[in-house]
Every structure is written in structure tokens, then in C-alpha cells.
């Protein structure tokens, strides 16, 4: 059997301007569904270019407490979140000492862009 991920807490990074408003509609739809499933949701709305990257890389203080990053937006928003994860590090101990490794976090993509090349 494959391992399963128990999701209790989700960080939603969303772009209200993606897809001519599709991101806003998708966010309004998905957040209540997650909450109805008993999942704690914290939303972070982007306000400028590269904001999703900055949020994930350094601005969300308790980022390690989230089980999943949910991206609501288009390809650009997804790209920024992936880049933010690549910039973020986590301290791991391997028995021989602590080391800094790139952050590894599951990503859920809710398409809210114009083209949604990655989501299709």
C-alpha cells in the first residue's frame, strides 16, 4: 500500500487577478469545501508580481506547520510558488548533524488562470 498524507492544515496562496477573475471565483469555491472537510485553511492573497514567491519563500512565518500548499491561480502563480519552495530551506537532522535542504511540500493546484497549461 502506498503511504497516504493526512491533511489537517492547508496554506492557500491565491491570485485574485488570474484568469480575468477566475482565481477569485475558484478561491471562493474551494475554501469552503476544504473547511467542510474539516481542514484548517489559511489564505494568502497575492497583491503584486512575485508576491506568491515571496510569501512561500519567507513571508509566511509558520509555513512548516502546513501539510499542503494549495495554489489557486494560473501557471504564473504556480511558477512563483514552486520558486518560493526552491528558495525556502528546512533544517533536517540525519543523525550526523543538521543540514539545510530545499523545502519539500505537497502542492495542490486549483486552476484559476487563463490557459492553465499545468493544470490540464
N, C-alpha and C. Protein backbone atom coordinates (compact mmCIF):
# COMPACT_ATOMS: atom_id res chain seq x y z
N UNK A 1 0.84 -1.19 0.00
CA UNK A 1 0.00 0.00 0.00
C UNK A 1 0.88 1.24 0.00
N UNK A 2 0.47 2.23 -0.75
CA UNK A 2 1.23 3.47 -0.80
C UNK A 2 0.91 4.33 0.41
N UNK A 3 1.88 5.13 0.85
CA UNK A 3 1.64 5.99 2.01
C UNK A 3 0.61 7.07 1.68
N UNK A 4 -0.16 7.45 2.67
CA UNK A 4 -1.16 8.49 2.48
C UNK A 4 -0.79 9.71 3.31
N UNK A 5 -1.23 10.83 2.88
CA UNK A 5 -0.96 12.08 3.56
C UNK A 5 -2.24 12.51 4.27
N UNK A 6 -2.16 12.66 5.58
CA UNK A 6 -3.31 13.16 6.31
C UNK A 6 -3.24 14.68 6.32
N UNK A 7 -4.21 15.30 5.69
CA UNK A 7 -4.21 16.75 5.54
C UNK A 7 -5.12 17.37 6.60
N UNK A 8 -4.51 18.17 7.47
CA UNK A 8 -5.25 18.86 8.52
C UNK A 8 -5.22 20.37 8.36
N UNK A 9 -4.12 20.86 7.76
CA UNK A 9 -3.91 22.30 7.67
C UNK A 9 -3.36 22.64 6.29
N UNK A 10 -4.05 23.55 5.59
CA UNK A 10 -3.68 23.92 4.23
C UNK A 10 -3.42 25.41 4.14
N UNK A 11 -2.36 25.74 3.45
CA UNK A 11 -2.00 27.12 3.14
C UNK A 11 -2.45 27.37 1.70
N UNK A 12 -3.37 28.30 1.51
CA UNK A 12 -3.86 28.62 0.17
C UNK A 12 -3.22 29.92 -0.29
N UNK A 13 -2.45 29.84 -1.37
CA UNK A 13 -1.86 31.03 -1.99
C UNK A 13 -2.66 31.28 -3.26
N UNK A 14 -3.31 32.44 -3.31
CA UNK A 14 -4.21 32.66 -4.44
C UNK A 14 -4.03 34.03 -5.07
N UNK A 15 -4.27 34.05 -6.38
CA UNK A 15 -4.13 35.26 -7.17
C UNK A 15 -5.51 35.72 -7.62
N UNK A 16 -6.01 36.83 -7.06
CA UNK A 16 -7.36 37.29 -7.42
C UNK A 16 -7.46 37.83 -8.84
N UNK A 17 -6.31 38.11 -9.47
CA UNK A 17 -6.31 38.69 -10.81
C UNK A 17 -6.12 37.67 -11.91
N UNK A 18 -5.84 36.42 -11.55
CA UNK A 18 -5.57 35.41 -12.58
C UNK A 18 -6.84 35.08 -13.35
N UNK A 19 -6.65 34.81 -14.62
CA UNK A 19 -7.76 34.37 -15.47
C UNK A 19 -8.93 35.32 -15.54
N UNK A 20 -8.67 36.61 -15.47
CA UNK A 20 -9.74 37.63 -15.54
C UNK A 20 -10.81 37.37 -14.47
N UNK A 21 -10.37 37.04 -13.27
CA UNK A 21 -11.29 36.83 -12.16
C UNK A 21 -11.58 35.37 -11.85
N UNK A 22 -11.08 34.45 -12.67
CA UNK A 22 -11.31 33.02 -12.41
C UNK A 22 -10.68 32.60 -11.08
N UNK A 23 -9.51 33.19 -10.76
CA UNK A 23 -8.84 32.86 -9.50
C UNK A 23 -9.69 33.21 -8.30
N UNK A 24 -10.34 34.37 -8.35
CA UNK A 24 -11.22 34.80 -7.25
C UNK A 24 -12.40 33.84 -7.09
N UNK A 25 -13.00 33.45 -8.21
CA UNK A 25 -14.15 32.53 -8.16
C UNK A 25 -13.72 31.15 -7.65
N UNK A 26 -12.57 30.68 -8.12
CA UNK A 26 -12.08 29.36 -7.69
C UNK A 26 -11.77 29.36 -6.20
N UNK A 27 -11.18 30.44 -5.71
CA UNK A 27 -10.88 30.57 -4.28
C UNK A 27 -12.16 30.55 -3.46
N UNK A 28 -13.16 31.31 -3.90
CA UNK A 28 -14.44 31.37 -3.18
C UNK A 28 -15.13 30.00 -3.16
N UNK A 29 -14.86 29.17 -4.16
CA UNK A 29 -15.46 27.83 -4.21
C UNK A 29 -14.70 26.83 -3.35
N UNK A 30 -13.36 26.83 -3.46
CA UNK A 30 -12.57 25.75 -2.85
C UNK A 30 -12.41 25.89 -1.33
N UNK A 31 -12.27 27.10 -0.83
CA UNK A 31 -12.02 27.28 0.61
C UNK A 31 -13.15 26.70 1.46
N UNK A 32 -14.43 27.00 1.17
CA UNK A 32 -15.50 26.38 1.97
C UNK A 32 -15.54 24.86 1.87
N UNK A 33 -15.17 24.32 0.70
CA UNK A 33 -15.14 22.86 0.53
C UNK A 33 -14.09 22.23 1.44
N UNK A 34 -12.91 22.85 1.51
CA UNK A 34 -11.86 22.35 2.40
C UNK A 34 -12.30 22.43 3.85
N UNK A 35 -12.91 23.55 4.22
CA UNK A 35 -13.37 23.73 5.60
C UNK A 35 -14.46 22.74 5.96
N UNK A 36 -15.36 22.44 5.02
CA UNK A 36 -16.40 21.45 5.25
C UNK A 36 -15.81 20.06 5.48
N UNK A 37 -14.64 19.83 4.91
CA UNK A 37 -13.96 18.54 5.08
C UNK A 37 -13.16 18.50 6.39
N UNK A 38 -13.25 19.55 7.19
CA UNK A 38 -12.57 19.58 8.48
C UNK A 38 -11.11 20.02 8.40
N UNK A 39 -10.75 20.66 7.32
CA UNK A 39 -9.37 21.11 7.12
C UNK A 39 -9.26 22.58 7.50
N UNK A 40 -8.25 22.90 8.30
CA UNK A 40 -7.99 24.30 8.66
C UNK A 40 -7.33 24.98 7.47
N UNK A 41 -7.87 26.11 7.07
CA UNK A 41 -7.39 26.82 5.88
C UNK A 41 -6.96 28.23 6.25
N UNK A 42 -5.78 28.61 5.79
CA UNK A 42 -5.32 29.99 5.89
C UNK A 42 -5.00 30.45 4.48
N UNK A 43 -5.63 31.56 4.06
CA UNK A 43 -5.44 32.07 2.71
C UNK A 43 -4.49 33.26 2.70
N UNK A 44 -3.66 33.28 1.67
CA UNK A 44 -2.72 34.38 1.45
C UNK A 44 -2.96 34.88 0.03
N UNK A 45 -3.50 36.09 -0.08
CA UNK A 45 -3.81 36.68 -1.38
C UNK A 45 -2.60 37.43 -1.91
N UNK A 46 -2.29 37.20 -3.17
CA UNK A 46 -1.18 37.93 -3.77
C UNK A 46 -1.64 39.32 -4.17
N UNK A 47 -0.68 40.27 -4.12
CA UNK A 47 -1.01 41.66 -4.42
C UNK A 47 -0.13 42.27 -5.50
N UNK A 48 0.90 41.54 -5.93
CA UNK A 48 1.85 42.08 -6.90
C UNK A 48 2.60 40.93 -7.56
N UNK A 49 3.34 41.26 -8.59
CA UNK A 49 4.17 40.27 -9.26
C UNK A 49 5.20 39.73 -8.27
N UNK A 50 5.46 38.45 -8.33
CA UNK A 50 6.42 37.73 -7.46
C UNK A 50 5.98 37.66 -5.99
N UNK A 51 4.77 38.08 -5.69
CA UNK A 51 4.31 38.05 -4.30
C UNK A 51 4.13 36.62 -3.81
N UNK A 52 3.61 35.73 -4.65
CA UNK A 52 3.45 34.32 -4.24
C UNK A 52 4.81 33.71 -3.90
N UNK A 53 5.82 34.02 -4.70
CA UNK A 53 7.17 33.53 -4.42
C UNK A 53 7.66 34.05 -3.08
N UNK A 54 7.50 35.33 -2.84
CA UNK A 54 7.95 35.93 -1.58
C UNK A 54 7.19 35.37 -0.38
N UNK A 55 5.88 35.16 -0.54
CA UNK A 55 5.08 34.59 0.54
C UNK A 55 5.63 33.23 0.95
N UNK A 56 5.81 32.36 -0.03
CA UNK A 56 6.25 30.99 0.26
C UNK A 56 7.71 30.96 0.72
N UNK A 57 8.56 31.77 0.11
CA UNK A 57 9.99 31.73 0.44
C UNK A 57 10.28 32.26 1.84
N UNK A 58 9.55 33.32 2.27
CA UNK A 58 9.95 33.91 3.55
C UNK A 58 8.86 34.63 4.34
N UNK A 59 7.74 35.00 3.74
CA UNK A 59 6.79 35.83 4.46
C UNK A 59 5.80 35.06 5.33
N UNK A 60 5.51 33.82 5.00
CA UNK A 60 4.59 33.02 5.82
C UNK A 60 5.40 32.41 6.95
N UNK A 61 5.21 32.93 8.16
CA UNK A 61 6.06 32.56 9.29
C UNK A 61 5.93 31.11 9.73
N UNK A 62 4.73 30.59 9.81
CA UNK A 62 4.52 29.22 10.31
C UNK A 62 4.35 28.23 9.15
N UNK A 63 5.05 28.45 8.07
CA UNK A 63 4.89 27.65 6.85
C UNK A 63 5.07 26.15 7.09
N UNK A 64 6.00 25.77 7.94
CA UNK A 64 6.27 24.35 8.18
C UNK A 64 5.10 23.62 8.82
N UNK A 65 4.16 24.34 9.41
CA UNK A 65 3.01 23.72 10.06
C UNK A 65 1.94 23.26 9.05
N UNK A 66 2.03 23.74 7.81
CA UNK A 66 1.02 23.37 6.81
C UNK A 66 1.37 22.03 6.17
N UNK A 67 0.35 21.23 5.94
CA UNK A 67 0.54 19.93 5.30
C UNK A 67 0.67 20.05 3.79
N UNK A 68 -0.03 21.03 3.22
CA UNK A 68 -0.11 21.19 1.77
C UNK A 68 -0.15 22.68 1.44
N UNK A 69 0.44 23.03 0.30
CA UNK A 69 0.27 24.36 -0.26
C UNK A 69 -0.72 24.22 -1.41
N UNK A 70 -1.82 24.93 -1.31
CA UNK A 70 -2.83 24.92 -2.36
C UNK A 70 -2.67 26.20 -3.17
N UNK A 71 -2.41 26.05 -4.45
CA UNK A 71 -2.24 27.19 -5.34
C UNK A 71 -3.53 27.40 -6.12
N UNK A 72 -4.11 28.58 -5.99
CA UNK A 72 -5.31 28.93 -6.75
C UNK A 72 -4.91 30.07 -7.68
N UNK A 73 -4.80 29.75 -8.95
CA UNK A 73 -4.38 30.74 -9.94
C UNK A 73 -3.97 30.03 -11.20
N UNK A 74 -3.18 30.72 -11.98
CA UNK A 74 -2.74 30.16 -13.25
C UNK A 74 -1.31 29.67 -13.20
N UNK A 75 -0.76 29.47 -14.38
CA UNK A 75 0.61 28.95 -14.49
C UNK A 75 1.63 29.87 -13.82
N UNK A 76 1.42 31.17 -13.90
CA UNK A 76 2.34 32.12 -13.29
C UNK A 76 2.36 32.00 -11.77
N UNK A 77 1.19 31.86 -11.18
CA UNK A 77 1.10 31.71 -9.72
C UNK A 77 1.77 30.41 -9.28
N UNK A 78 1.50 29.34 -10.01
CA UNK A 78 2.15 28.06 -9.71
C UNK A 78 3.66 28.19 -9.81
N UNK A 79 4.15 28.82 -10.86
CA UNK A 79 5.58 29.01 -11.05
C UNK A 79 6.19 29.76 -9.87
N UNK A 80 5.53 30.81 -9.41
CA UNK A 80 6.04 31.58 -8.28
C UNK A 80 6.08 30.74 -7.00
N UNK A 81 5.06 29.93 -6.76
CA UNK A 81 5.04 29.09 -5.55
C UNK A 81 6.16 28.05 -5.60
N UNK A 82 6.36 27.43 -6.75
CA UNK A 82 7.44 26.44 -6.89
C UNK A 82 8.80 27.11 -6.66
N UNK A 83 8.99 28.30 -7.22
CA UNK A 83 10.23 29.04 -7.00
C UNK A 83 10.40 29.40 -5.53
N UNK A 84 9.32 29.77 -4.87
CA UNK A 84 9.38 30.07 -3.44
C UNK A 84 9.78 28.86 -2.62
N UNK A 85 9.25 27.69 -2.98
CA UNK A 85 9.65 26.45 -2.29
C UNK A 85 11.13 26.17 -2.50
N UNK A 86 11.62 26.42 -3.71
CA UNK A 86 13.03 26.17 -4.01
C UNK A 86 13.94 27.10 -3.21
N UNK A 87 13.47 28.29 -2.91
CA UNK A 87 14.27 29.25 -2.15
C UNK A 87 14.21 29.00 -0.64
N UNK A 88 13.14 28.37 -0.20
CA UNK A 88 12.96 28.10 1.22
C UNK A 88 13.76 26.85 1.60
N UNK A 89 14.35 26.86 2.76
CA UNK A 89 15.07 25.67 3.22
C UNK A 89 14.47 25.19 4.52
N UNK A 90 14.76 23.94 4.83
CA UNK A 90 14.31 23.36 6.09
C UNK A 90 15.50 22.64 6.72
N UNK A 91 15.57 22.74 8.02
CA UNK A 91 16.66 22.07 8.73
C UNK A 91 16.24 20.63 9.00
N UNK A 92 17.06 19.69 8.59
CA UNK A 92 16.81 18.28 8.83
C UNK A 92 18.02 17.66 9.52
N UNK A 93 17.75 16.76 10.42
CA UNK A 93 18.84 16.06 11.09
C UNK A 93 18.91 14.65 10.53
N UNK A 94 20.10 14.24 10.10
CA UNK A 94 20.27 12.91 9.53
C UNK A 94 21.06 11.99 10.46
N UNK A 95 21.18 12.37 11.73
CA UNK A 95 21.95 11.58 12.67
C UNK A 95 23.38 12.03 12.78
N UNK A 96 23.94 12.52 11.67
CA UNK A 96 25.32 13.02 11.67
C UNK A 96 25.36 14.52 11.91
N UNK A 97 24.21 15.13 12.03
CA UNK A 97 24.14 16.57 12.24
C UNK A 97 23.04 17.18 11.40
N UNK A 98 22.75 18.42 11.65
CA UNK A 98 21.70 19.12 10.92
C UNK A 98 22.23 19.61 9.58
N UNK A 99 21.36 19.64 8.60
CA UNK A 99 21.73 20.17 7.30
C UNK A 99 20.53 20.92 6.73
N UNK A 100 20.81 21.88 5.89
CA UNK A 100 19.76 22.65 5.24
C UNK A 100 19.45 22.01 3.88
N UNK A 101 18.19 21.72 3.67
CA UNK A 101 17.74 21.14 2.41
C UNK A 101 16.61 21.98 1.85
N UNK A 102 16.39 21.92 0.54
CA UNK A 102 15.24 22.63 -0.02
C UNK A 102 13.95 22.14 0.61
N UNK A 103 13.01 23.04 0.75
CA UNK A 103 11.71 22.70 1.33
C UNK A 103 10.97 21.75 0.39
N UNK A 104 10.39 20.74 0.97
CA UNK A 104 9.62 19.76 0.21
C UNK A 104 8.20 19.74 0.78
N UNK A 105 7.25 20.19 0.00
CA UNK A 105 5.88 20.29 0.46
C UNK A 105 4.95 19.93 -0.68
N UNK A 106 3.94 19.10 -0.43
CA UNK A 106 2.98 18.79 -1.50
C UNK A 106 2.25 20.04 -1.97
N UNK A 107 1.98 20.08 -3.27
CA UNK A 107 1.26 21.21 -3.87
C UNK A 107 -0.04 20.69 -4.48
N UNK A 108 -1.13 21.38 -4.16
CA UNK A 108 -2.42 21.12 -4.81
C UNK A 108 -2.69 22.32 -5.71
N UNK A 109 -3.04 22.07 -6.95
CA UNK A 109 -3.29 23.14 -7.91
C UNK A 109 -4.77 23.20 -8.25
N UNK A 110 -5.37 24.36 -7.98
CA UNK A 110 -6.75 24.62 -8.37
C UNK A 110 -6.67 25.62 -9.52
N UNK A 111 -7.02 25.20 -10.73
CA UNK A 111 -6.85 26.09 -11.89
C UNK A 111 -7.75 27.31 -11.81
N UNK A 112 -7.12 28.46 -11.96
CA UNK A 112 -7.86 29.72 -11.96
C UNK A 112 -7.26 30.71 -12.91
N UNK A 113 -6.50 30.22 -13.88
CA UNK A 113 -5.84 31.10 -14.82
C UNK A 113 -6.54 31.12 -16.17
N UNK A 114 -5.87 31.67 -17.14
CA UNK A 114 -6.43 31.76 -18.49
C UNK A 114 -6.16 30.48 -19.27
N UNK A 115 -4.91 30.07 -19.34
CA UNK A 115 -4.55 28.89 -20.11
C UNK A 115 -4.50 27.61 -19.31
N UNK A 116 -4.02 27.69 -18.07
CA UNK A 116 -3.91 26.53 -17.18
C UNK A 116 -3.18 25.36 -17.81
N UNK A 117 -2.05 25.61 -18.45
CA UNK A 117 -1.29 24.56 -19.11
C UNK A 117 -0.87 23.46 -18.15
N UNK A 118 -0.47 23.83 -16.93
CA UNK A 118 -0.03 22.82 -15.95
C UNK A 118 -1.21 22.08 -15.34
N UNK A 119 -2.35 22.70 -15.28
CA UNK A 119 -3.50 22.11 -14.60
C UNK A 119 -4.27 21.13 -15.48
N UNK A 120 -4.04 21.16 -16.76
CA UNK A 120 -4.82 20.31 -17.65
C UNK A 120 -4.14 19.02 -17.98
